[in-house]
Amino acid sequence: MTFCSKHLLGIEYLSNLEITSLLDEADRYVTLNRSNAKHSEIFAGVTQINMFFENSTRTQASFEIAGKRLGADVMNMAMQASSIKKGETLIDTALTLNAMHPDLLVVRHPHSGAVNLLAEKVNCSVINAGDGTHEHPTQALLDALTIRRAKGRLHRLSIAICGDISHSRVARSNILLLGKMGNRIRLIGPSTLMPKGIEDFGVEVFENPKEGLKDVDVVMMLRLQKERMDGGFIPSEREYYHRFGLDHEKLSFAKKDAIIMHPGPMNRGVEIDGTLADDINRSVIQEQVEMGVAVRMAIIESLIKSQRTKISKVLK
């Protein structure tokens, strides 16, 4: 199964079949990554360029490992020291890179829509590794794989997404993906961190965590995106934790076998109690990190195979 699209720019562009097929392929890579022989030469000669205009640890490292395990030549561009800092536009940078004939660009950018704009200017495939407050599709896919492996299914689940909904591209992509797959989605957070019109996405909104967490199967906590806040969205971190941070008392309202998730990096004692984050019986946060490599390997494979299929048809 390959993408119908040339790029992976957002969950909104994926069909249910594409989502399921990607997760099935990622499952195969989980097995490979747990073996002694983690490396494959399936895409030897493929050039992958990682362009991260925002700092990242998990996502960038995950994409780098994914590309190298598939045999690709991977280059990480230090965008903080690039020509962009000398006044070059994003489009000029895209055209310069395009002239080098890469096969794949992985891009993270602080402005919503920047990755889509860049994809219009290059010949290669582009993966959105997070753009502003718009989308983070690979995070939603790895979250979906984590949930499916923990719960045995990815439909008819009750899932609570808690915290800074307004500034979270992770929340947006998860709402789109989990909604497509037939789950009940609850959003929990203060009104100051809840986007206007969010109910139009088919979700339930709660300001009281105990009500919102009642009988849910999955508790997905979000990081407070303080770097995107320009005002007094919360009175204090201490007050935020008291009202909305996940602790044992609030978790007791969820199902007894509910799993705890967080995309990272975590602010312990702000968004989540540290002992809950480390609870191997409830927390799947480390599994999310592991699934990230497998999912990104599956995405790279699907895009490159799609490219080759299209080239083959043209040559015929």
C-alpha atoms as a PDB file:
ATOM      1  CA  MET A   1       0.000   0.000   0.000  1.00  0.00           C
ATOM      2  CA  THR A   2       1.434   3.421  -0.993  1.00  0.00           C
ATOM      3  CA  PHE A   3       0.166   6.957  -0.594  1.00  0.00           C
ATOM      4  CA  CYS A   4      -2.072   8.355  -3.269  1.00  0.00           C
ATOM      5  CA  SER A   5      -0.452  11.694  -2.444  1.00  0.00           C
ATOM      6  CA  LYS A   6       3.139  12.704  -3.122  1.00  0.00           C
ATOM      7  CA  HIS A   7       3.535  14.193   0.363  1.00  0.00           C
ATOM      8  CA  LEU A   8       2.453  13.665   3.968  1.00  0.00           C
ATOM      9  CA  LEU A   9       1.313  17.139   4.984  1.00  0.00           C
ATOM     10  CA  GLY A  10      -1.524  16.361   7.364  1.00  0.00           C
ATOM     11  CA  ILE A  11      -3.935  13.751   8.662  1.00  0.00           C
ATOM     12  CA  GLU A  12      -6.812  15.499   6.902  1.00  0.00           C
ATOM     13  CA  TYR A  13      -5.439  14.291   3.559  1.00  0.00           C
ATOM     14  CA  LEU A  14      -5.267  10.600   4.556  1.00  0.00           C
ATOM     15  CA  SER A  15      -8.016   8.045   4.014  1.00  0.00           C
ATOM     16  CA  ASN A  16      -8.933   5.485   6.673  1.00  0.00           C
ATOM     17  CA  LEU A  17      -7.393   2.774   4.476  1.00  0.00           C
ATOM     18  CA  GLU A  18      -4.112   4.678   4.219  1.00  0.00           C
ATOM     19  CA  ILE A  19      -4.024   5.169   7.999  1.00  0.00           C
ATOM     20  CA  THR A  20      -4.670   1.485   8.685  1.00  0.00           C
ATOM     21  CA  SER A  21      -2.139   0.338   6.072  1.00  0.00           C
ATOM     22  CA  LEU A  22       0.533   2.653   7.491  1.00  0.00           C
ATOM     23  CA  LEU A  23      -0.034   1.305  10.989  1.00  0.00           C
ATOM     24  CA  ASP A  24       0.102  -2.289   9.715  1.00  0.00           C
ATOM     25  CA  GLU A  25       3.427  -1.558   8.006  1.00  0.00           C
ATOM     26  CA  ALA A  26       4.739   0.203  11.107  1.00  0.00           C
ATOM     27  CA  ASP A  27       3.902  -2.905  13.166  1.00  0.00           C
ATOM     28  CA  ARG A  28       6.304  -4.826  10.945  1.00  0.00           C
ATOM     29  CA  TYR A  29       9.019  -2.276  11.621  1.00  0.00           C
ATOM     30  CA  VAL A  30       8.468  -2.542  15.378  1.00  0.00           C
ATOM     31  CA  THR A  31       9.507  -6.174  15.061  1.00  0.00           C
ATOM     32  CA  LEU A  32      12.550  -5.251  12.947  1.00  0.00           C
ATOM     33  CA  ASN A  33      13.632  -2.540  15.388  1.00  0.00           C
ATOM     34  CA  ARG A  34      13.517  -4.994  18.279  1.00  0.00           C
ATOM     35  CA  SER A  35      15.761  -7.472  16.468  1.00  0.00           C
ATOM     36  CA  ASN A  36      19.553  -7.525  16.418  1.00  0.00           C
ATOM     37  CA  ALA A  37      19.646  -6.687  12.695  1.00  0.00           C
ATOM     38  CA  LYS A  38      17.885  -3.319  12.645  1.00  0.00           C
ATOM     39  CA  HIS A  39      19.412  -2.079   9.397  1.00  0.00           C
ATOM     40  CA  SER A  40      18.032  -2.517   5.903  1.00  0.00           C
ATOM     41  CA  GLU A  41      19.409  -1.426   2.541  1.00  0.00           C
ATOM     42  CA  ILE A  42      15.962  -1.183   0.959  1.00  0.00           C
ATOM     43  CA  PHE A  43      16.467   2.508   0.151  1.00  0.00           C
ATOM     44  CA  ALA A  44      20.220   2.708  -0.394  1.00  0.00           C
ATOM     45  CA  GLY A  45      20.944   5.788  -2.504  1.00  0.00           C
ATOM     46  CA  VAL A  46      17.847   7.676  -1.323  1.00  0.00           C
ATOM     47  CA  THR A  47      18.635  11.172   0.009  1.00  0.00           C
ATOM     48  CA  GLN A  48      16.665  12.456   3.003  1.00  0.00           C
ATOM     49  CA  ILE A  49      17.138  16.018   4.275  1.00  0.00           C
ATOM     50  CA  ASN A  50      15.816  16.962   7.721  1.00  0.00           C
ATOM     51  CA  MET A  51      15.030  20.693   7.962  1.00  0.00           C
ATOM     52  CA  PHE A  52      14.034  21.682  11.494  1.00  0.00           C
ATOM     53  CA  PHE A  53      13.357  25.403  11.931  1.00  0.00           C
ATOM     54  CA  GLU A  54      12.291  24.682  15.528  1.00  0.00           C
ATOM     55  CA  ASN A  55      14.298  22.797  18.120  1.00  0.00           C
ATOM     56  CA  SER A  56      13.399  19.136  18.420  1.00  0.00           C
ATOM     57  CA  THR A  57      14.875  16.108  20.117  1.00  0.00           C
ATOM     58  CA  ARG A  58      12.449  13.217  19.725  1.00  0.00           C
ATOM     59  CA  THR A  59      11.079  13.964  16.274  1.00  0.00           C
ATOM     60  CA  GLN A  60      14.358  14.833  14.586  1.00  0.00           C
ATOM     61  CA  ALA A  61      16.246  11.924  16.141  1.00  0.00           C
ATOM     62  CA  SER A  62      13.394   9.591  15.255  1.00  0.00           C
ATOM     63  CA  PHE A  63      13.378  10.642  11.599  1.00  0.00           C
ATOM     64  CA  GLU A  64      17.161  10.372  11.403  1.00  0.00           C
ATOM     65  CA  ILE A  65      17.165   6.858  12.845  1.00  0.00           C
ATOM     66  CA  ALA A  66      14.234   5.854  10.618  1.00  0.00           C
ATOM     67  CA  GLY A  67      15.970   7.013   7.450  1.00  0.00           C
ATOM     68  CA  LYS A  68      19.303   5.410   8.330  1.00  0.00           C
ATOM     69  CA  ARG A  69      17.716   2.090   9.256  1.00  0.00           C
ATOM     70  CA  LEU A  70      16.177   2.009   5.771  1.00  0.00           C
ATOM     71  CA  GLY A  71      19.593   2.630   4.187  1.00  0.00           C
ATOM     72  CA  ALA A  72      18.984   6.242   3.150  1.00  0.00           C
ATOM     73  CA  ASP A  73      21.610   8.986   3.144  1.00  0.00           C
ATOM     74  CA  VAL A  74      20.355  11.366   5.836  1.00  0.00           C
ATOM     75  CA  MET A  75      21.429  14.983   6.213  1.00  0.00           C
ATOM     76  CA  ASN A  76      20.375  17.191   9.131  1.00  0.00           C
ATOM     77  CA  MET A  77      20.408  20.876   8.212  1.00  0.00           C
ATOM     78  CA  ALA A  78      21.215  23.304  11.027  1.00  0.00           C
ATOM     79  CA  MET A  79      18.540  25.845  10.118  1.00  0.00           C
ATOM     80  CA  GLN A  80      19.587  28.190  12.935  1.00  0.00           C
ATOM     81  CA  ALA A  81      22.902  28.659  11.091  1.00  0.00           C
ATOM     82  CA  SER A  82      21.491  28.475   7.558  1.00  0.00           C
ATOM     83  CA  SER A  83      21.113  31.164   4.901  1.00  0.00           C
ATOM     84  CA  ILE A  84      17.586  31.816   6.235  1.00  0.00           C
ATOM     85  CA  LYS A  85      19.315  33.707   9.051  1.00  0.00           C
ATOM     86  CA  LYS A  86      21.067  35.818   6.406  1.00  0.00           C
ATOM     87  CA  GLY A  87      17.770  36.880   4.875  1.00  0.00           C
ATOM     88  CA  GLU A  88      17.095  34.086   2.386  1.00  0.00           C
ATOM     89  CA  THR A  89      13.414  33.244   2.031  1.00  0.00           C
ATOM     90  CA  LEU A  90      11.935  29.818   2.659  1.00  0.00           C
ATOM     91  CA  ILE A  91      11.132  29.574  -1.062  1.00  0.00           C
ATOM     92  CA  ASP A  92      14.731  30.334  -2.085  1.00  0.00           C
ATOM     93  CA  THR A  93      15.978  27.717   0.354  1.00  0.00           C
ATOM     94  CA  ALA A  94      13.494  25.216  -1.100  1.00  0.00           C
ATOM     95  CA  LEU A  95      14.613  25.932  -4.655  1.00  0.00           C
ATOM     96  CA  THR A  96      18.272  25.601  -3.670  1.00  0.00           C
ATOM     97  CA  LEU A  97      17.653  22.227  -2.066  1.00  0.00           C
ATOM     98  CA  ASN A  98      15.482  21.139  -4.988  1.00  0.00           C
ATOM     99  CA  ALA A  99      18.450  21.676  -7.309  1.00  0.00           C
ATOM    100  CA  MET A 100      20.351  19.045  -5.309  1.00  0.00           C
ATOM    101  CA  HIS A 101      17.682  16.425  -6.189  1.00  0.00           C
ATOM    102  CA  PRO A 102      16.827  15.035  -2.753  1.00  0.00           C
ATOM    103  CA  ASP A 103      14.182  12.327  -2.557  1.00  0.00           C
ATOM    104  CA  LEU A 104      12.631  13.425   0.707  1.00  0.00           C
ATOM    105  CA  LEU A 105      12.430  16.562   2.832  1.00  0.00           C
ATOM    106  CA  VAL A 106      11.339  16.331   6.470  1.00  0.00           C
ATOM    107  CA  VAL A 107      10.338  19.802   7.631  1.00  0.00           C
ATOM    108  CA  ARG A 108       9.376  21.354  10.968  1.00  0.00           C
ATOM    109  CA  HIS A 109       8.482  25.045  10.931  1.00  0.00           C
ATOM    110  CA  PRO A 110       7.039  27.493  13.485  1.00  0.00           C
ATOM    111  CA  HIS A 111       4.497  28.935  11.034  1.00  0.00           C
ATOM    112  CA  SER A 112       1.298  27.116  10.083  1.00  0.00           C
ATOM    113  CA  GLY A 113       1.141  26.386   6.364  1.00  0.00           C
ATOM    114  CA  ALA A 114       4.881  26.866   5.729  1.00  0.00           C
ATOM    115  CA  VAL A 115       5.427  23.167   5.009  1.00  0.00           C
ATOM    116  CA  ASN A 116       2.550  23.103   2.511  1.00  0.00           C
ATOM    117  CA  LEU A 117       4.035  26.132   0.741  1.00  0.00           C
ATOM    118  CA  LEU A 118       7.451  24.499   0.553  1.00  0.00           C
ATOM    119  CA  ALA A 119       5.931  21.284  -0.850  1.00  0.00           C
ATOM    120  CA  GLU A 120       4.542  23.267  -3.784  1.00  0.00           C
ATOM    121  CA  LYS A 121       8.043  24.377  -4.792  1.00  0.00           C
ATOM    122  CA  VAL A 122      10.012  21.108  -4.794  1.00  0.00           C
ATOM    123  CA  ASN A 123       9.970  17.956  -6.888  1.00  0.00           C
ATOM    124  CA  CYS A 124      10.609  15.536  -4.030  1.00  0.00           C
ATOM    125  CA  SER A 125       8.275  14.262  -1.326  1.00  0.00           C
ATOM    126  CA  VAL A 126       7.773  16.363   1.802  1.00  0.00           C
ATOM    127  CA  ILE A 127       6.842  15.162   5.290  1.00  0.00           C
ATOM    128  CA  ASN A 128       5.325  17.613   7.745  1.00  0.00           C
ATOM    129  CA  ALA A 129       7.154  17.178  11.060  1.00  0.00           C
ATOM    130  CA  GLY A 130       5.015  19.882  12.659  1.00  0.00           C
ATOM    131  CA  ASP A 131       4.009  23.335  11.392  1.00  0.00           C
ATOM    132  CA  GLY A 132       2.967  26.010  13.861  1.00  0.00           C
ATOM    133  CA  THR A 133      -0.341  25.167  15.495  1.00  0.00           C
ATOM    134  CA  HIS A 134      -1.613  23.437  12.347  1.00  0.00           C
ATOM    135  CA  GLU A 135      -0.676  19.729  12.263  1.00  0.00           C
ATOM    136  CA  HIS A 136       1.823  17.105  13.420  1.00  0.00           C
ATOM    137  CA  PRO A 137       0.670  14.061  11.419  1.00  0.00           C
ATOM    138  CA  THR A 138       3.460  11.641  12.302  1.00  0.00           C
ATOM    139  CA  GLN A 139       2.839  12.200  16.028  1.00  0.00           C
ATOM    140  CA  ALA A 140      -0.841  11.355  15.584  1.00  0.00           C
ATOM    141  CA  LEU A 141       0.079   8.210  13.654  1.00  0.00           C
ATOM    142  CA  LEU A 142       2.529   7.013  16.309  1.00  0.00           C
ATOM    143  CA  ASP A 143      -0.059   7.778  18.990  1.00  0.00           C
ATOM    144  CA  ALA A 144      -2.595   5.734  17.028  1.00  0.00           C
ATOM    145  CA  LEU A 145      -0.186   2.800  16.761  1.00  0.00           C
ATOM    146  CA  THR A 146       0.533   2.986  20.504  1.00  0.00           C
ATOM    147  CA  ILE A 147      -3.185   2.970  21.311  1.00  0.00           C
ATOM    148  CA  ARG A 148      -3.930   0.117  18.903  1.00  0.00           C
ATOM    149  CA  ARG A 149      -1.172  -2.054  20.334  1.00  0.00           C
ATOM    150  CA  ALA A 150      -2.197  -1.317  23.948  1.00  0.00           C
ATOM    151  CA  LYS A 151      -5.964  -1.671  23.444  1.00  0.00           C
ATOM    152  CA  GLY A 152      -6.096  -4.157  20.573  1.00  0.00           C
ATOM    153  CA  ARG A 153      -8.187  -1.805  18.430  1.00  0.00           C
ATOM    154  CA  LEU A 154      -8.424   1.774  17.197  1.00  0.00           C
ATOM    155  CA  HIS A 155     -12.176   2.274  17.134  1.00  0.00           C
ATOM    156  CA  ARG A 156     -15.045   2.689  19.639  1.00  0.00           C
ATOM    157  CA  LEU A 157     -12.688   3.976  22.328  1.00  0.00           C
ATOM    158  CA  SER A 158     -13.279   6.923  24.641  1.00  0.00           C
ATOM    159  CA  ILE A 159     -10.215   9.167  24.482  1.00  0.00           C
ATOM    160  CA  ALA A 160      -9.523  12.277  26.569  1.00  0.00           C
ATOM    161  CA  ILE A 161      -7.059  14.881  25.280  1.00  0.00           C
ATOM    162  CA  CYS A 162      -6.126  17.191  28.136  1.00  0.00           C
ATOM    163  CA  GLY A 163      -4.389  20.534  28.449  1.00  0.00           C
ATOM    164  CA  ASP A 164      -3.288  23.202  25.995  1.00  0.00           C
ATOM    165  CA  ILE A 165      -5.595  22.342  23.098  1.00  0.00           C
ATOM    166  CA  SER A 166      -5.473  25.781  21.513  1.00  0.00           C
ATOM    167  CA  HIS A 167      -1.748  25.826  20.734  1.00  0.00           C
ATOM    168  CA  SER A 168      -1.303  22.097  20.088  1.00  0.00           C
ATOM    169  CA  ARG A 169      -0.774  20.741  16.579  1.00  0.00           C
ATOM    170  CA  VAL A 170      -0.608  17.311  18.220  1.00  0.00           C
ATOM    171  CA  ALA A 171      -4.163  17.748  19.497  1.00  0.00           C
ATOM    172  CA  ARG A 172      -5.432  18.850  16.088  1.00  0.00           C
ATOM    173  CA  SER A 173      -3.900  15.888  14.254  1.00  0.00           C
ATOM    174  CA  ASN A 174      -5.113  13.439  16.893  1.00  0.00           C
ATOM    175  CA  ILE A 175      -8.639  14.849  16.793  1.00  0.00           C
ATOM    176  CA  LEU A 176      -8.679  14.353  13.014  1.00  0.00           C
ATOM    177  CA  LEU A 177      -7.211  10.834  13.057  1.00  0.00           C
ATOM    178  CA  LEU A 178      -9.070   9.431  16.053  1.00  0.00           C
ATOM    179  CA  GLY A 179     -12.308  10.960  14.797  1.00  0.00           C
ATOM    180  CA  LYS A 180     -11.883   9.349  11.382  1.00  0.00           C
ATOM    181  CA  MET A 181     -11.405   5.972  13.057  1.00  0.00           C
ATOM    182  CA  GLY A 182     -14.690   6.170  14.968  1.00  0.00           C
ATOM    183  CA  ASN A 183     -13.650   7.088  18.501  1.00  0.00           C
ATOM    184  CA  ARG A 184     -15.333   9.310  21.095  1.00  0.00           C
ATOM    185  CA  ILE A 185     -13.068  12.280  21.793  1.00  0.00           C
ATOM    186  CA  ARG A 186     -13.205  14.469  24.884  1.00  0.00           C
ATOM    187  CA  LEU A 187     -11.181  17.663  25.251  1.00  0.00           C
ATOM    188  CA  ILE A 188     -10.332  18.843  28.755  1.00  0.00           C
ATOM    189  CA  GLY A 189      -8.776  22.183  29.636  1.00  0.00           C
ATOM    190  CA  PRO A 190      -9.330  25.770  30.716  1.00  0.00           C
ATOM    191  CA  SER A 191     -11.465  27.931  28.426  1.00  0.00           C
ATOM    192  CA  THR A 192      -8.415  30.141  27.778  1.00  0.00           C
ATOM    193  CA  LEU A 193      -6.648  27.162  26.159  1.00  0.00           C
ATOM    194  CA  MET A 194      -9.622  25.889  24.160  1.00  0.00           C
ATOM    195  CA  PRO A 195      -9.959  27.129  20.546  1.00  0.00           C
ATOM    196  CA  LYS A 196     -13.210  28.774  19.519  1.00  0.00           C
ATOM    197  CA  GLY A 197     -15.568  26.578  17.539  1.00  0.00           C
ATOM    198  CA  ILE A 198     -13.770  23.376  18.549  1.00  0.00           C
ATOM    199  CA  GLU A 199     -17.131  21.635  19.055  1.00  0.00           C
ATOM    200  CA  ASP A 200     -17.516  21.696  15.254  1.00  0.00           C
ATOM    201  CA  PHE A 201     -14.892  18.923  15.136  1.00  0.00           C
ATOM    202  CA  GLY A 202     -17.342  16.485  16.730  1.00  0.00           C
ATOM    203  CA  VAL A 203     -15.709  16.494  20.162  1.00  0.00           C
ATOM    204  CA  GLU A 204     -17.009  16.988  23.709  1.00  0.00           C
ATOM    205  CA  VAL A 205     -15.482  19.814  25.745  1.00  0.00           C
ATOM    206  CA  PHE A 206     -14.988  19.790  29.529  1.00  0.00           C
ATOM    207  CA  GLU A 207     -13.502  22.274  31.977  1.00  0.00           C
ATOM    208  CA  ASN A 208     -13.838  19.824  34.868  1.00  0.00           C
ATOM    209  CA  PRO A 209     -11.216  17.040  34.492  1.00  0.00           C
ATOM    210  CA  LYS A 210     -13.108  14.647  36.754  1.00  0.00           C
ATOM    211  CA  GLU A 211     -16.163  14.843  34.499  1.00  0.00           C
ATOM    212  CA  GLY A 212     -14.115  14.655  31.313  1.00  0.00           C
ATOM    213  CA  LEU A 213     -12.052  11.669  32.453  1.00  0.00           C
ATOM    214  CA  LYS A 214     -15.024   9.589  33.585  1.00  0.00           C
ATOM    215  CA  ASP A 215     -14.752   6.074  32.116  1.00  0.00           C
ATOM    216  CA  VAL A 216     -12.258   6.963  29.362  1.00  0.00           C
ATOM    217  CA  ASP A 217      -9.939   4.334  27.853  1.00  0.00           C
ATOM    218  CA  VAL A 218      -7.080   6.681  26.999  1.00  0.00           C
ATOM    219  CA  VAL A 219      -5.757   9.793  28.774  1.00  0.00           C
ATOM    220  CA  MET A 220      -3.578  11.900  26.490  1.00  0.00           C
ATOM    221  CA  MET A 221      -1.864  14.789  28.270  1.00  0.00           C
ATOM    222  CA  LEU A 222      -0.424  17.748  26.344  1.00  0.00           C
ATOM    223  CA  ARG A 223       2.534  20.013  26.990  1.00  0.00           C
ATOM    224  CA  LEU A 224       1.868  23.632  27.911  1.00  0.00           C
ATOM    225  CA  GLN A 225       3.132  25.477  24.820  1.00  0.00           C
ATOM    226  CA  LYS A 226       4.510  28.450  26.712  1.00  0.00           C
ATOM    227  CA  GLU A 227       6.607  29.538  23.725  1.00  0.00           C
ATOM    228  CA  ARG A 228       3.369  30.148  21.752  1.00  0.00           C
ATOM    229  CA  MET A 229       1.621  32.076  24.526  1.00  0.00           C
ATOM    230  CA  ASP A 230       1.692  35.863  24.499  1.00  0.00           C
ATOM    231  CA  GLY A 231      -0.581  36.540  27.434  1.00  0.00           C
ATOM    232  CA  GLY A 232      -1.979  35.281  30.707  1.00  0.00           C
ATOM    233  CA  PHE A 233      -3.516  32.001  29.591  1.00  0.00           C
ATOM    234  CA  ILE A 234      -3.058  30.401  33.035  1.00  0.00           C
ATOM    235  CA  PRO A 235      -2.767  32.036  36.488  1.00  0.00           C
ATOM    236  CA  SER A 236       0.346  30.001  37.404  1.00  0.00           C
ATOM    237  CA  GLU A 237       1.867  26.591  36.743  1.00  0.00           C
ATOM    238  CA  ARG A 238       1.063  25.550  40.301  1.00  0.00           C
ATOM    239  CA  GLU A 239      -2.599  26.476  39.894  1.00  0.00           C
ATOM    240  CA  TYR A 240      -2.696  24.795  36.479  1.00  0.00           C
ATOM    241  CA  TYR A 241      -1.402  21.527  37.942  1.00  0.00           C
ATOM    242  CA  HIS A 242      -3.902  21.681  40.788  1.00  0.00           C
ATOM    243  CA  ARG A 243      -6.825  22.105  38.380  1.00  0.00           C
ATOM    244  CA  PHE A 244      -5.755  20.270  35.223  1.00  0.00           C
ATOM    245  CA  GLY A 245      -2.555  18.320  35.858  1.00  0.00           C
ATOM    246  CA  LEU A 246      -2.975  14.544  35.893  1.00  0.00           C
ATOM    247  CA  ASP A 247      -2.627  13.065  39.368  1.00  0.00           C
ATOM    248  CA  HIS A 248      -3.836   9.864  41.001  1.00  0.00           C
ATOM    249  CA  GLU A 249      -7.123  11.381  42.149  1.00  0.00           C
ATOM    250  CA  LYS A 250      -8.117  12.622  38.684  1.00  0.00           C
ATOM    251  CA  LEU A 251      -6.965   9.399  37.020  1.00  0.00           C
ATOM    252  CA  SER A 252      -9.238   7.392  39.334  1.00  0.00           C
ATOM    253  CA  PHE A 253     -12.244   8.643  37.323  1.00  0.00           C
ATOM    254  CA  ALA A 254     -10.957   6.942  34.148  1.00  0.00           C
ATOM    255  CA  LYS A 255     -11.315   3.214  33.549  1.00  0.00           C
ATOM    256  CA  LYS A 256      -9.054   1.064  35.685  1.00  0.00           C
ATOM    257  CA  ASP A 257      -7.135  -0.083  32.604  1.00  0.00           C
ATOM    258  CA  ALA A 258      -6.913   3.376  31.014  1.00  0.00           C
ATOM    259  CA  ILE A 259      -3.510   4.163  29.508  1.00  0.00           C
ATOM    260  CA  ILE A 260      -1.600   7.437  29.981  1.00  0.00           C
ATOM    261  CA  MET A 261       0.049   9.212  27.048  1.00  0.00           C
ATOM    262  CA  HIS A 262       2.139  12.356  26.537  1.00  0.00           C
ATOM    263  CA  PRO A 263       3.882  13.491  23.327  1.00  0.00           C
ATOM    264  CA  GLY A 264       6.813  14.973  25.246  1.00  0.00           C
ATOM    265  CA  PRO A 265       8.730  16.769  26.426  1.00  0.00           C
ATOM    266  CA  MET A 266       6.909  16.548  29.748  1.00  0.00           C
ATOM    267  CA  ASN A 267       6.733  19.203  32.428  1.00  0.00           C
ATOM    268  CA  ARG A 268       6.505  16.971  35.487  1.00  0.00           C
ATOM    269  CA  GLY A 269       4.453  18.469  38.266  1.00  0.00           C
ATOM    270  CA  VAL A 270       2.760  20.812  35.783  1.00  0.00           C
ATOM    271  CA  GLU A 271       0.944  18.596  33.270  1.00  0.00           C
ATOM    272  CA  ILE A 272       1.416  15.235  34.954  1.00  0.00           C
ATOM    273  CA  ASP A 273       2.521  13.685  38.223  1.00  0.00           C
ATOM    274  CA  GLY A 274       5.961  12.152  37.789  1.00  0.00           C
ATOM    275  CA  THR A 275       5.037   8.839  39.407  1.00  0.00           C
ATOM    276  CA  LEU A 276       2.152   8.409  36.943  1.00  0.00           C
ATOM    277  CA  ALA A 277       4.410   9.204  33.999  1.00  0.00           C
ATOM    278  CA  ASP A 278       6.744   6.416  35.136  1.00  0.00           C
ATOM    279  CA  ASP A 279       4.045   3.881  36.062  1.00  0.00           C
ATOM    280  CA  ILE A 280       4.811   0.909  33.797  1.00  0.00           C
ATOM    281  CA  ASN A 281       1.309  -0.469  34.351  1.00  0.00           C
ATOM    282  CA  ARG A 282      -0.478   2.639  33.070  1.00  0.00           C
ATOM    283  CA  SER A 283       1.958   4.859  31.182  1.00  0.00           C
ATOM    284  CA  VAL A 284       2.801   4.133  27.515  1.00  0.00           C
ATOM    285  CA  ILE A 285       4.934   7.262  27.093  1.00  0.00           C
ATOM    286  CA  GLN A 286       8.125   5.325  26.362  1.00  0.00           C
ATOM    287  CA  GLU A 287       6.204   3.103  23.946  1.00  0.00           C
ATOM    288  CA  GLN A 288       5.183   6.264  22.072  1.00  0.00           C
ATOM    289  CA  VAL A 289       8.858   7.083  21.532  1.00  0.00           C
ATOM    290  CA  GLU A 290       9.527   3.558  20.262  1.00  0.00           C
ATOM    291  CA  MET A 291       6.523   3.614  17.929  1.00  0.00           C
ATOM    292  CA  GLY A 292       7.740   6.916  16.495  1.00  0.00           C
ATOM    293  CA  VAL A 293      10.693   5.302  14.743  1.00  0.00           C
ATOM    294  CA  ALA A 294       8.575   2.483  13.311  1.00  0.00           C
ATOM    295  CA  VAL A 295       5.841   4.817  12.064  1.00  0.00           C
ATOM    296  CA  ARG A 296       8.343   7.137  10.388  1.00  0.00           C
ATOM    297  CA  MET A 297      10.024   4.182   8.700  1.00  0.00           C
ATOM    298  CA  ALA A 298       6.635   3.126   7.329  1.00  0.00           C
ATOM    299  CA  ILE A 299       5.933   6.655   6.064  1.00  0.00           C
ATOM    300  CA  ILE A 300       9.312   6.974   4.361  1.00  0.00           C
ATOM    301  CA  GLU A 301       8.843   3.586   2.716  1.00  0.00           C
ATOM    302  CA  SER A 302       5.362   4.452   1.455  1.00  0.00           C
ATOM    303  CA  LEU A 303       6.427   7.783  -0.024  1.00  0.00           C
ATOM    304  CA  ILE A 304       9.537   6.441  -1.728  1.00  0.00           C
ATOM    305  CA  LYS A 305       7.640   3.465  -3.154  1.00  0.00           C
ATOM    306  CA  SER A 306       4.964   5.854  -4.403  1.00  0.00           C
ATOM    307  CA  GLN A 307       7.640   7.931  -6.150  1.00  0.00           C
ATOM    308  CA  ARG A 308       9.134   4.857  -7.808  1.00  0.00           C
ATOM    309  CA  THR A 309       5.732   3.579  -8.926  1.00  0.00           C
ATOM    310  CA  LYS A 310       4.956   6.893 -10.606  1.00  0.00           C
ATOM    311  CA  ILE A 311       8.382   7.022 -12.298  1.00  0.00           C
ATOM    312  CA  SER A 312       7.935   3.453 -13.523  1.00  0.00           C
ATOM    313  CA  LYS A 313       4.570   4.320 -15.078  1.00  0.00           C
ATOM    314  CA  VAL A 314       6.080   7.352 -16.833  1.00  0.00           C
ATOM    315  CA  LEU A 315       8.958   5.294 -18.254  1.00  0.00           C
ATOM    316  CA  LYS A 316       6.533   2.724 -19.630  1.00  0.00           C
END
